[in-house]
mmCIF file of all heavy atoms, coordinates in Angstrom:
data_MODEL
# 
_entry.id   MODEL 
# 
loop_
_atom_site.group_PDB 
_atom_site.id 
_atom_site.type_symbol 
_atom_site.label_atom_id 
_atom_site.label_alt_id 
_atom_site.label_comp_id 
_atom_site.label_asym_id 
_atom_site.label_entity_id 
_atom_site.label_seq_id 
_atom_site.pdbx_PDB_ins_code 
_atom_site.Cartn_x 
_atom_site.Cartn_y 
_atom_site.Cartn_z 
_atom_site.occupancy 
_atom_site.B_iso_or_equiv 
_atom_site.pdbx_formal_charge 
_atom_site.auth_seq_id 
_atom_site.auth_comp_id 
_atom_site.auth_asym_id 
_atom_site.auth_atom_id 
_atom_site.pdbx_PDB_model_num 
ATOM 1   N N   . GLY A 1 1  ? 70.786 51.727 64.534 1.00 0.00 ? 1  GLY A N   1 
ATOM 2   C CA  . GLY A 1 1  ? 70.438 52.684 65.574 1.00 0.00 ? 1  GLY A CA  1 
ATOM 3   C C   . GLY A 1 1  ? 68.980 53.082 65.576 1.00 0.00 ? 1  GLY A C   1 
ATOM 4   O O   . GLY A 1 1  ? 68.449 53.519 66.610 1.00 0.00 ? 1  GLY A O   1 
ATOM 5   N N   . ASP A 1 2  ? 68.296 52.942 64.434 1.00 0.00 ? 2  ASP A N   1 
ATOM 6   C CA  . ASP A 1 2  ? 66.877 53.318 64.365 1.00 0.00 ? 2  ASP A CA  1 
ATOM 7   C C   . ASP A 1 2  ? 65.956 52.163 64.716 1.00 0.00 ? 2  ASP A C   1 
ATOM 8   O O   . ASP A 1 2  ? 64.729 52.288 64.621 1.00 0.00 ? 2  ASP A O   1 
ATOM 9   C CB  . ASP A 1 2  ? 66.544 53.841 62.966 1.00 0.00 ? 2  ASP A CB  1 
ATOM 10  C CG  . ASP A 1 2  ? 66.770 52.789 61.881 1.00 0.00 ? 2  ASP A CG  1 
ATOM 11  O OD1 . ASP A 1 2  ? 67.348 51.724 62.196 1.00 0.00 ? 2  ASP A OD1 1 
ATOM 12  O OD2 . ASP A 1 2  ? 66.386 53.051 60.722 1.00 0.00 ? 2  ASP A OD2 1 
ATOM 13  N N   . GLY A 1 3  ? 66.524 51.024 65.126 1.00 0.00 ? 3  GLY A N   1 
ATOM 14  C CA  . GLY A 1 3  ? 65.715 49.848 65.425 1.00 0.00 ? 3  GLY A CA  1 
ATOM 15  C C   . GLY A 1 3  ? 65.504 48.941 64.237 1.00 0.00 ? 3  GLY A C   1 
ATOM 16  O O   . GLY A 1 3  ? 64.919 47.870 64.373 1.00 0.00 ? 3  GLY A O   1 
ATOM 17  N N   . GLY A 1 4  ? 65.965 49.365 63.072 1.00 0.00 ? 4  GLY A N   1 
ATOM 18  C CA  . GLY A 1 4  ? 65.861 48.521 61.890 1.00 0.00 ? 4  GLY A CA  1 
ATOM 19  C C   . GLY A 1 4  ? 66.933 47.443 61.879 1.00 0.00 ? 4  GLY A C   1 
ATOM 20  O O   . GLY A 1 4  ? 67.855 47.444 62.701 1.00 0.00 ? 4  GLY A O   1 
ATOM 21  N N   . GLU A 1 5  ? 66.796 46.524 60.947 1.00 0.00 ? 5  GLU A N   1 
ATOM 22  C CA  . GLU A 1 5  ? 67.759 45.441 60.825 1.00 0.00 ? 5  GLU A CA  1 
ATOM 23  C C   . GLU A 1 5  ? 68.680 45.708 59.645 1.00 0.00 ? 5  GLU A C   1 
ATOM 24  O O   . GLU A 1 5  ? 68.235 45.809 58.501 1.00 0.00 ? 5  GLU A O   1 
ATOM 25  C CB  . GLU A 1 5  ? 67.039 44.105 60.642 1.00 0.00 ? 5  GLU A CB  1 
ATOM 26  C CG  . GLU A 1 5  ? 66.277 43.671 61.882 1.00 0.00 ? 5  GLU A CG  1 
ATOM 27  C CD  . GLU A 1 5  ? 65.603 42.310 61.722 1.00 0.00 ? 5  GLU A CD  1 
ATOM 28  O OE1 . GLU A 1 5  ? 65.638 41.757 60.615 1.00 0.00 ? 5  GLU A OE1 1 
ATOM 29  O OE2 . GLU A 1 5  ? 65.046 41.814 62.723 1.00 0.00 ? 5  GLU A OE2 1 
ATOM 30  N N   . LEU A 1 6  ? 69.969 45.801 59.931 1.00 0.00 ? 6  LEU A N   1 
ATOM 31  C CA  . LEU A 1 6  ? 70.960 45.982 58.884 1.00 0.00 ? 6  LEU A CA  1 
ATOM 32  C C   . LEU A 1 6  ? 71.194 44.680 58.132 1.00 0.00 ? 6  LEU A C   1 
ATOM 33  O O   . LEU A 1 6  ? 71.405 44.685 56.920 1.00 0.00 ? 6  LEU A O   1 
ATOM 34  C CB  . LEU A 1 6  ? 72.275 46.477 59.480 1.00 0.00 ? 6  LEU A CB  1 
ATOM 35  C CG  . LEU A 1 6  ? 72.211 47.789 60.262 1.00 0.00 ? 6  LEU A CG  1 
ATOM 36  C CD1 . LEU A 1 6  ? 73.538 48.058 60.955 1.00 0.00 ? 6  LEU A CD1 1 
ATOM 37  C CD2 . LEU A 1 6  ? 71.857 48.940 59.332 1.00 0.00 ? 6  LEU A CD2 1 
ATOM 38  N N   . GLU A 1 7  ? 71.170 43.572 58.845 1.00 0.00 ? 7  GLU A N   1 
ATOM 39  C CA  . GLU A 1 7  ? 71.380 42.257 58.236 1.00 0.00 ? 7  GLU A CA  1 
ATOM 40  C C   . GLU A 1 7  ? 70.520 41.222 58.946 1.00 0.00 ? 7  GLU A C   1 
ATOM 41  O O   . GLU A 1 7  ? 70.252 41.337 60.140 1.00 0.00 ? 7  GLU A O   1 
ATOM 42  C CB  . GLU A 1 7  ? 72.850 41.818 58.329 1.00 0.00 ? 7  GLU A CB  1 
ATOM 43  C CG  . GLU A 1 7  ? 73.841 42.707 57.614 1.00 0.00 ? 7  GLU A CG  1 
ATOM 44  C CD  . GLU A 1 7  ? 73.724 42.646 56.102 1.00 0.00 ? 7  GLU A CD  1 
ATOM 45  O OE1 . GLU A 1 7  ? 73.026 41.735 55.581 1.00 0.00 ? 7  GLU A OE1 1 
ATOM 46  O OE2 . GLU A 1 7  ? 74.318 43.502 55.430 1.00 0.00 ? 7  GLU A OE2 1 
ATOM 47  N N   . ARG A 1 8  ? 70.116 40.219 58.184 1.00 0.00 ? 8  ARG A N   1 
ATOM 48  C CA  . ARG A 1 8  ? 69.441 39.031 58.725 1.00 0.00 ? 8  ARG A CA  1 
ATOM 49  C C   . ARG A 1 8  ? 69.877 37.877 57.836 1.00 0.00 ? 8  ARG A C   1 
ATOM 50  O O   . ARG A 1 8  ? 69.283 37.620 56.790 1.00 0.00 ? 8  ARG A O   1 
ATOM 51  C CB  . ARG A 1 8  ? 67.927 39.204 58.729 1.00 0.00 ? 8  ARG A CB  1 
ATOM 52  C CG  . ARG A 1 8  ? 67.161 37.958 59.163 1.00 0.00 ? 8  ARG A CG  1 
ATOM 53  C CD  . ARG A 1 8  ? 65.670 38.209 59.225 1.00 0.00 ? 8  ARG A CD  1 
ATOM 54  N NE  . ARG A 1 8  ? 65.309 38.916 60.440 1.00 0.00 ? 8  ARG A NE  1 
ATOM 55  C CZ  . ARG A 1 8  ? 65.016 38.346 61.596 1.00 0.00 ? 8  ARG A CZ  1 
ATOM 56  N NH1 . ARG A 1 8  ? 65.044 37.020 61.707 1.00 0.00 ? 8  ARG A NH1 1 
ATOM 57  N NH2 . ARG A 1 8  ? 64.702 39.067 62.643 1.00 0.00 ? 8  ARG A NH2 1 
ATOM 58  N N   . MET A 1 9  ? 70.961 37.212 58.220 1.00 0.00 ? 9  MET A N   1 
ATOM 59  C CA  . MET A 1 9  ? 71.589 36.209 57.363 1.00 0.00 ? 9  MET A CA  1 
ATOM 60  C C   . MET A 1 9  ? 71.484 34.811 57.945 1.00 0.00 ? 9  MET A C   1 
ATOM 61  O O   . MET A 1 9  ? 71.642 34.635 59.154 1.00 0.00 ? 9  MET A O   1 
ATOM 62  C CB  . MET A 1 9  ? 73.071 36.543 57.163 1.00 0.00 ? 9  MET A CB  1 
ATOM 63  C CG  . MET A 1 9  ? 73.340 37.661 56.188 1.00 0.00 ? 9  MET A CG  1 
ATOM 64  S SD  . MET A 1 9  ? 75.079 37.629 55.673 1.00 0.00 ? 9  MET A SD  1 
ATOM 65  C CE  . MET A 1 9  ? 75.049 38.940 54.457 1.00 0.00 ? 9  MET A CE  1 
ATOM 66  N N   . PRO A 1 10 ? 71.250 33.810 57.073 1.00 0.00 ? 10 PRO A N   1 
ATOM 67  C CA  . PRO A 1 10 ? 71.320 32.416 57.543 1.00 0.00 ? 10 PRO A CA  1 
ATOM 68  C C   . PRO A 1 10 ? 72.671 32.141 58.181 1.00 0.00 ? 10 PRO A C   1 
ATOM 69  O O   . PRO A 1 10 ? 73.711 32.552 57.668 1.00 0.00 ? 10 PRO A O   1 
ATOM 70  C CB  . PRO A 1 10 ? 71.132 31.599 56.259 1.00 0.00 ? 10 PRO A CB  1 
ATOM 71  C CG  . PRO A 1 10 ? 70.400 32.509 55.331 1.00 0.00 ? 10 PRO A CG  1 
ATOM 72  C CD  . PRO A 1 10 ? 70.904 33.890 55.644 1.00 0.00 ? 10 PRO A CD  1 
ATOM 73  N N   . CYS A 1 11 ? 72.651 31.462 59.319 1.00 0.00 ? 11 CYS A N   1 
ATOM 74  C CA  . CYS A 1 11 ? 73.881 31.264 60.095 1.00 0.00 ? 11 CYS A CA  1 
ATOM 75  C C   . CYS A 1 11 ? 73.909 29.842 60.634 1.00 0.00 ? 11 CYS A C   1 
ATOM 76  O O   . CYS A 1 11 ? 73.174 29.507 61.560 1.00 0.00 ? 11 CYS A O   1 
ATOM 77  C CB  . CYS A 1 11 ? 73.949 32.281 61.240 1.00 0.00 ? 11 CYS A CB  1 
ATOM 78  S SG  . CYS A 1 11 ? 75.379 32.087 62.316 1.00 0.00 ? 11 CYS A SG  1 
ATOM 79  N N   . ASP A 1 12 ? 74.787 29.004 60.048 1.00 0.00 ? 12 ASP A N   1 
ATOM 80  C CA  . ASP A 1 12 ? 74.928 27.635 60.530 1.00 0.00 ? 12 ASP A CA  1 
ATOM 81  C C   . ASP A 1 12 ? 76.090 27.491 61.501 1.00 0.00 ? 12 ASP A C   1 
ATOM 82  O O   . ASP A 1 12 ? 76.511 26.387 61.821 1.00 0.00 ? 12 ASP A O   1 
ATOM 83  C CB  . ASP A 1 12 ? 75.105 26.666 59.360 1.00 0.00 ? 12 ASP A CB  1 
ATOM 84  C CG  . ASP A 1 12 ? 76.322 26.995 58.506 1.00 0.00 ? 12 ASP A CG  1 
ATOM 85  O OD1 . ASP A 1 12 ? 76.928 28.062 58.719 1.00 0.00 ? 12 ASP A OD1 1 
ATOM 86  O OD2 . ASP A 1 12 ? 76.661 26.185 57.620 1.00 0.00 ? 12 ASP A OD2 1 
ATOM 87  N N   . LEU A 1 13 ? 76.618 28.615 61.953 1.00 0.00 ? 13 LEU A N   1 
ATOM 88  C CA  . LEU A 1 13 ? 77.756 28.613 62.867 1.00 0.00 ? 13 LEU A CA  1 
ATOM 89  C C   . LEU A 1 13 ? 77.295 28.456 64.311 1.00 0.00 ? 13 LEU A C   1 
ATOM 90  O O   . LEU A 1 13 ? 76.124 28.675 64.635 1.00 0.00 ? 13 LEU A O   1 
ATOM 91  C CB  . LEU A 1 13 ? 78.541 29.921 62.719 1.00 0.00 ? 13 LEU A CB  1 
ATOM 92  C CG  . LEU A 1 13 ? 79.052 30.242 61.318 1.00 0.00 ? 13 LEU A CG  1 
ATOM 93  C CD1 . LEU A 1 13 ? 79.580 31.673 61.270 1.00 0.00 ? 13 LEU A CD1 1 
ATOM 94  C CD2 . LEU A 1 13 ? 80.143 29.261 60.901 1.00 0.00 ? 13 LEU A CD2 1 
ATOM 95  N N   . SER A 1 14 ? 78.239 28.112 65.178 1.00 0.00 ? 14 SER A N   1 
ATOM 96  C CA  . SER A 1 14 ? 77.957 28.031 66.609 1.00 0.00 ? 14 SER A CA  1 
ATOM 97  C C   . SER A 1 14 ? 77.614 29.421 67.142 1.00 0.00 ? 14 SER A C   1 
ATOM 98  O O   . SER A 1 14 ? 78.396 30.364 66.997 1.00 0.00 ? 14 SER A O   1 
ATOM 99  C CB  . SER A 1 14 ? 79.174 27.472 67.341 1.00 0.00 ? 14 SER A CB  1 
ATOM 100 O OG  . SER A 1 14 ? 79.099 27.734 68.722 1.00 0.00 ? 14 SER A OG  1 
ATOM 101 N N   . ALA A 1 15 ? 76.437 29.548 67.758 1.00 0.00 ? 15 ALA A N   1 
ATOM 102 C CA  . ALA A 1 15 ? 76.018 30.847 68.288 1.00 0.00 ? 15 ALA A CA  1 
ATOM 103 C C   . ALA A 1 15 ? 76.980 31.345 69.356 1.00 0.00 ? 15 ALA A C   1 
ATOM 104 O O   . ALA A 1 15 ? 77.249 32.551 69.450 1.00 0.00 ? 15 ALA A O   1 
ATOM 105 C CB  . ALA A 1 15 ? 74.600 30.747 68.852 1.00 0.00 ? 15 ALA A CB  1 
ATOM 106 N N   . SER A 1 16 ? 77.529 30.446 70.159 1.00 0.00 ? 16 SER A N   1 
ATOM 107 C CA  . SER A 1 16 ? 78.450 30.864 71.214 1.00 0.00 ? 16 SER A CA  1 
ATOM 108 C C   . SER A 1 16 ? 79.760 31.391 70.630 1.00 0.00 ? 16 SER A C   1 
ATOM 109 O O   . SER A 1 16 ? 80.337 32.353 71.159 1.00 0.00 ? 16 SER A O   1 
ATOM 110 C CB  . SER A 1 16 ? 78.732 29.697 72.163 1.00 0.00 ? 16 SER A CB  1 
ATOM 111 O OG  . SER A 1 16 ? 79.324 28.607 71.477 1.00 0.00 ? 16 SER A OG  1 
ATOM 112 N N   . ARG A 1 17 ? 80.233 30.793 69.533 1.00 0.00 ? 17 ARG A N   1 
ATOM 113 C CA  . ARG A 1 17 ? 81.457 31.270 68.896 1.00 0.00 ? 17 ARG A CA  1 
ATOM 114 C C   . ARG A 1 17 ? 81.244 32.635 68.257 1.00 0.00 ? 17 ARG A C   1 
ATOM 115 O O   . ARG A 1 17 ? 82.104 33.513 68.324 1.00 0.00 ? 17 ARG A O   1 
ATOM 116 C CB  . ARG A 1 17 ? 81.929 30.265 67.839 1.00 0.00 ? 17 ARG A CB  1 
ATOM 117 C CG  . ARG A 1 17 ? 82.456 28.956 68.411 1.00 0.00 ? 17 ARG A CG  1 
ATOM 118 C CD  . ARG A 1 17 ? 82.835 27.997 67.289 1.00 0.00 ? 17 ARG A CD  1 
ATOM 119 N NE  . ARG A 1 17 ? 83.856 28.585 66.439 1.00 0.00 ? 17 ARG A NE  1 
ATOM 120 C CZ  . ARG A 1 17 ? 83.992 28.306 65.140 1.00 0.00 ? 17 ARG A CZ  1 
ATOM 121 N NH1 . ARG A 1 17 ? 83.132 27.477 64.553 1.00 0.00 ? 17 ARG A NH1 1 
ATOM 122 N NH2 . ARG A 1 17 ? 84.952 28.861 64.434 1.00 0.00 ? 17 ARG A NH2 1 
ATOM 123 N N   . VAL A 1 18 ? 80.084 32.816 67.628 1.00 0.00 ? 18 VAL A N   1 
ATOM 124 C CA  . VAL A 1 18 ? 79.773 34.117 67.029 1.00 0.00 ? 18 VAL A CA  1 
ATOM 125 C C   . VAL A 1 18 ? 79.668 35.179 68.118 1.00 0.00 ? 18 VAL A C   1 
ATOM 126 O O   . VAL A 1 18 ? 80.207 36.291 67.984 1.00 0.00 ? 18 VAL A O   1 
ATOM 127 C CB  . VAL A 1 18 ? 78.467 34.035 66.216 1.00 0.00 ? 18 VAL A CB  1 
ATOM 128 C CG1 . VAL A 1 18 ? 78.075 35.413 65.695 1.00 0.00 ? 18 VAL A CG1 1 
ATOM 129 C CG2 . VAL A 1 18 ? 78.625 33.062 65.049 1.00 0.00 ? 18 VAL A CG2 1 
ATOM 130 N N   . ALA A 1 19 ? 78.981 34.849 69.211 1.00 0.00 ? 19 ALA A N   1 
ATOM 131 C CA  . ALA A 1 19 ? 78.848 35.801 70.313 1.00 0.00 ? 19 ALA A CA  1 
ATOM 132 C C   . ALA A 1 19 ? 80.204 36.198 70.865 1.00 0.00 ? 19 ALA A C   1 
ATOM 133 O O   . ALA A 1 19 ? 80.457 37.378 71.141 1.00 0.00 ? 19 ALA A O   1 
ATOM 134 C CB  . ALA A 1 19 ? 77.976 35.184 71.416 1.00 0.00 ? 19 ALA A CB  1 
ATOM 135 N N   . GLU A 1 20 ? 81.105 35.238 71.036 1.00 0.00 ? 20 GLU A N   1 
ATOM 136 C CA  . GLU A 1 20 ? 82.434 35.529 71.568 1.00 0.00 ? 20 GLU A CA  1 
ATOM 137 C C   . GLU A 1 20 ? 83.212 36.438 70.636 1.00 0.00 ? 20 GLU A C   1 
ATOM 138 O O   . GLU A 1 20 ? 83.929 37.339 71.095 1.00 0.00 ? 20 GLU A O   1 
ATOM 139 C CB  . GLU A 1 20 ? 83.194 34.219 71.791 1.00 0.00 ? 20 GLU A CB  1 
ATOM 140 C CG  . GLU A 1 20 ? 84.606 34.392 72.335 1.00 0.00 ? 20 GLU A CG  1 
ATOM 141 C CD  . GLU A 1 20 ? 84.642 35.054 73.705 1.00 0.00 ? 20 GLU A CD  1 
ATOM 142 O OE1 . GLU A 1 20 ? 83.599 35.045 74.397 1.00 0.00 ? 20 GLU A OE1 1 
ATOM 143 O OE2 . GLU A 1 20 ? 85.713 35.578 74.073 1.00 0.00 ? 20 GLU A OE2 1 
ATOM 144 N N   . ALA A 1 21 ? 83.079 36.246 69.317 1.00 0.00 ? 21 ALA A N   1 
ATOM 145 C CA  . ALA A 1 21 ? 83.784 37.092 68.359 1.00 0.00 ? 21 ALA A CA  1 
ATOM 146 C C   . ALA A 1 21 ? 83.338 38.549 68.483 1.00 0.00 ? 21 ALA A C   1 
ATOM 147 O O   . ALA A 1 21 ? 84.159 39.473 68.394 1.00 0.00 ? 21 ALA A O   1 
ATOM 148 C CB  . ALA A 1 21 ? 83.550 36.593 66.940 1.00 0.00 ? 21 ALA A CB  1 
ATOM 149 N N   . PHE A 1 22 ? 82.050 38.773 68.694 1.00 0.00 ? 22 PHE A N   1 
ATOM 150 C CA  . PHE A 1 22 ? 81.560 40.142 68.872 1.00 0.00 ? 22 PHE A CA  1 
ATOM 151 C C   . PHE A 1 22 ? 81.988 40.701 70.225 1.00 0.00 ? 22 PHE A C   1 
ATOM 152 O O   . PHE A 1 22 ? 82.453 41.847 70.323 1.00 0.00 ? 22 PHE A O   1 
ATOM 153 C CB  . PHE A 1 22 ? 80.032 40.173 68.747 1.00 0.00 ? 22 PHE A CB  1 
ATOM 154 C CG  . PHE A 1 22 ? 79.537 40.214 67.330 1.00 0.00 ? 22 PHE A CG  1 
ATOM 155 C CD1 . PHE A 1 22 ? 79.279 39.044 66.630 1.00 0.00 ? 22 PHE A CD1 1 
ATOM 156 C CD2 . PHE A 1 22 ? 79.329 41.415 66.685 1.00 0.00 ? 22 PHE A CD2 1 
ATOM 157 C CE1 . PHE A 1 22 ? 78.830 39.062 65.321 1.00 0.00 ? 22 PHE A CE1 1 
ATOM 158 C CE2 . PHE A 1 22 ? 78.872 41.471 65.385 1.00 0.00 ? 22 PHE A CE2 1 
ATOM 159 C CZ  . PHE A 1 22 ? 78.618 40.283 64.687 1.00 0.00 ? 22 PHE A CZ  1 
ATOM 160 N N   . ARG A 1 23 ? 81.837 39.906 71.275 1.00 0.00 ? 23 ARG A N   1 
ATOM 161 C CA  . ARG A 1 23 ? 82.124 40.408 72.621 1.00 0.00 ? 23 ARG A CA  1 
ATOM 162 C C   . ARG A 1 23 ? 83.601 40.749 72.799 1.00 0.00 ? 23 ARG A C   1 
ATOM 163 O O   . ARG A 1 23 ? 83.939 41.755 73.436 1.00 0.00 ? 23 ARG A O   1 
ATOM 164 C CB  . ARG A 1 23 ? 81.696 39.375 73.660 1.00 0.00 ? 23 ARG A CB  1 
ATOM 165 C CG  . ARG A 1 23 ? 80.193 39.276 73.849 1.00 0.00 ? 23 ARG A CG  1 
ATOM 166 C CD  . ARG A 1 23 ? 79.835 38.110 74.735 1.00 0.00 ? 23 ARG A CD  1 
ATOM 167 N NE  . ARG A 1 23 ? 78.410 38.047 75.029 1.00 0.00 ? 23 ARG A NE  1 
ATOM 168 C CZ  . ARG A 1 23 ? 77.739 36.931 75.255 1.00 0.00 ? 23 ARG A CZ  1 
ATOM 169 N NH1 . ARG A 1 23 ? 78.374 35.761 75.230 1.00 0.00 ? 23 ARG A NH1 1 
ATOM 170 N NH2 . ARG A 1 23 ? 76.451 36.954 75.507 1.00 0.00 ? 23 ARG A NH2 1 
ATOM 171 N N   . VAL A 1 24 ? 84.488 39.912 72.268 1.00 0.00 ? 24 VAL A N   1 
ATOM 172 C CA  . VAL A 1 24 ? 85.912 40.135 72.460 1.00 0.00 ? 24 VAL A CA  1 
ATOM 173 C C   . VAL A 1 24 ? 86.370 41.425 71.782 1.00 0.00 ? 24 VAL A C   1 
ATOM 174 O O   . VAL A 1 24 ? 87.397 41.995 72.162 1.00 0.00 ? 24 VAL A O   1 
ATOM 175 C CB  . VAL A 1 24 ? 86.723 38.921 71.951 1.00 0.00 ? 24 VAL A CB  1 
ATOM 176 C CG1 . VAL A 1 24 ? 86.798 38.908 70.429 1.00 0.00 ? 24 VAL A CG1 1 
ATOM 177 C CG2 . VAL A 1 24 ? 88.120 38.905 72.554 1.00 0.00 ? 24 VAL A CG2 1 
ATOM 178 N N   . ASN A 1 25 ? 85.588 41.889 70.811 1.00 0.00 ? 25 ASN A N   1 
ATOM 179 C CA  . ASN A 1 25 ? 85.918 43.140 70.137 1.00 0.00 ? 25 ASN A CA  1 
ATOM 180 C C   . ASN A 1 25 ? 85.086 44.317 70.634 1.00 0.00 ? 25 ASN A C   1 
ATOM 181 O O   . ASN A 1 25 ? 85.101 45.390 70.034 1.00 0.00 ? 25 ASN A O   1 
ATOM 182 C CB  . ASN A 1 25 ? 85.723 42.982 68.626 1.00 0.00 ? 25 ASN A CB  1 
ATOM 183 C CG  . ASN A 1 25 ? 86.879 42.247 67.977 1.00 0.00 ? 25 ASN A CG  1 
ATOM 184 O OD1 . ASN A 1 25 ? 87.953 42.806 67.771 1.00 0.00 ? 25 ASN A OD1 1 
ATOM 185 N ND2 . ASN A 1 25 ? 86.670 40.977 67.666 1.00 0.00 ? 25 ASN A ND2 1 
# 
């Protein structure tokens, strides 16, 4: 909420699949 980054993790997953997991919830 303050504009900081809580996480910045290496991600070899499909960006579209990750986006869908967040959006559906």
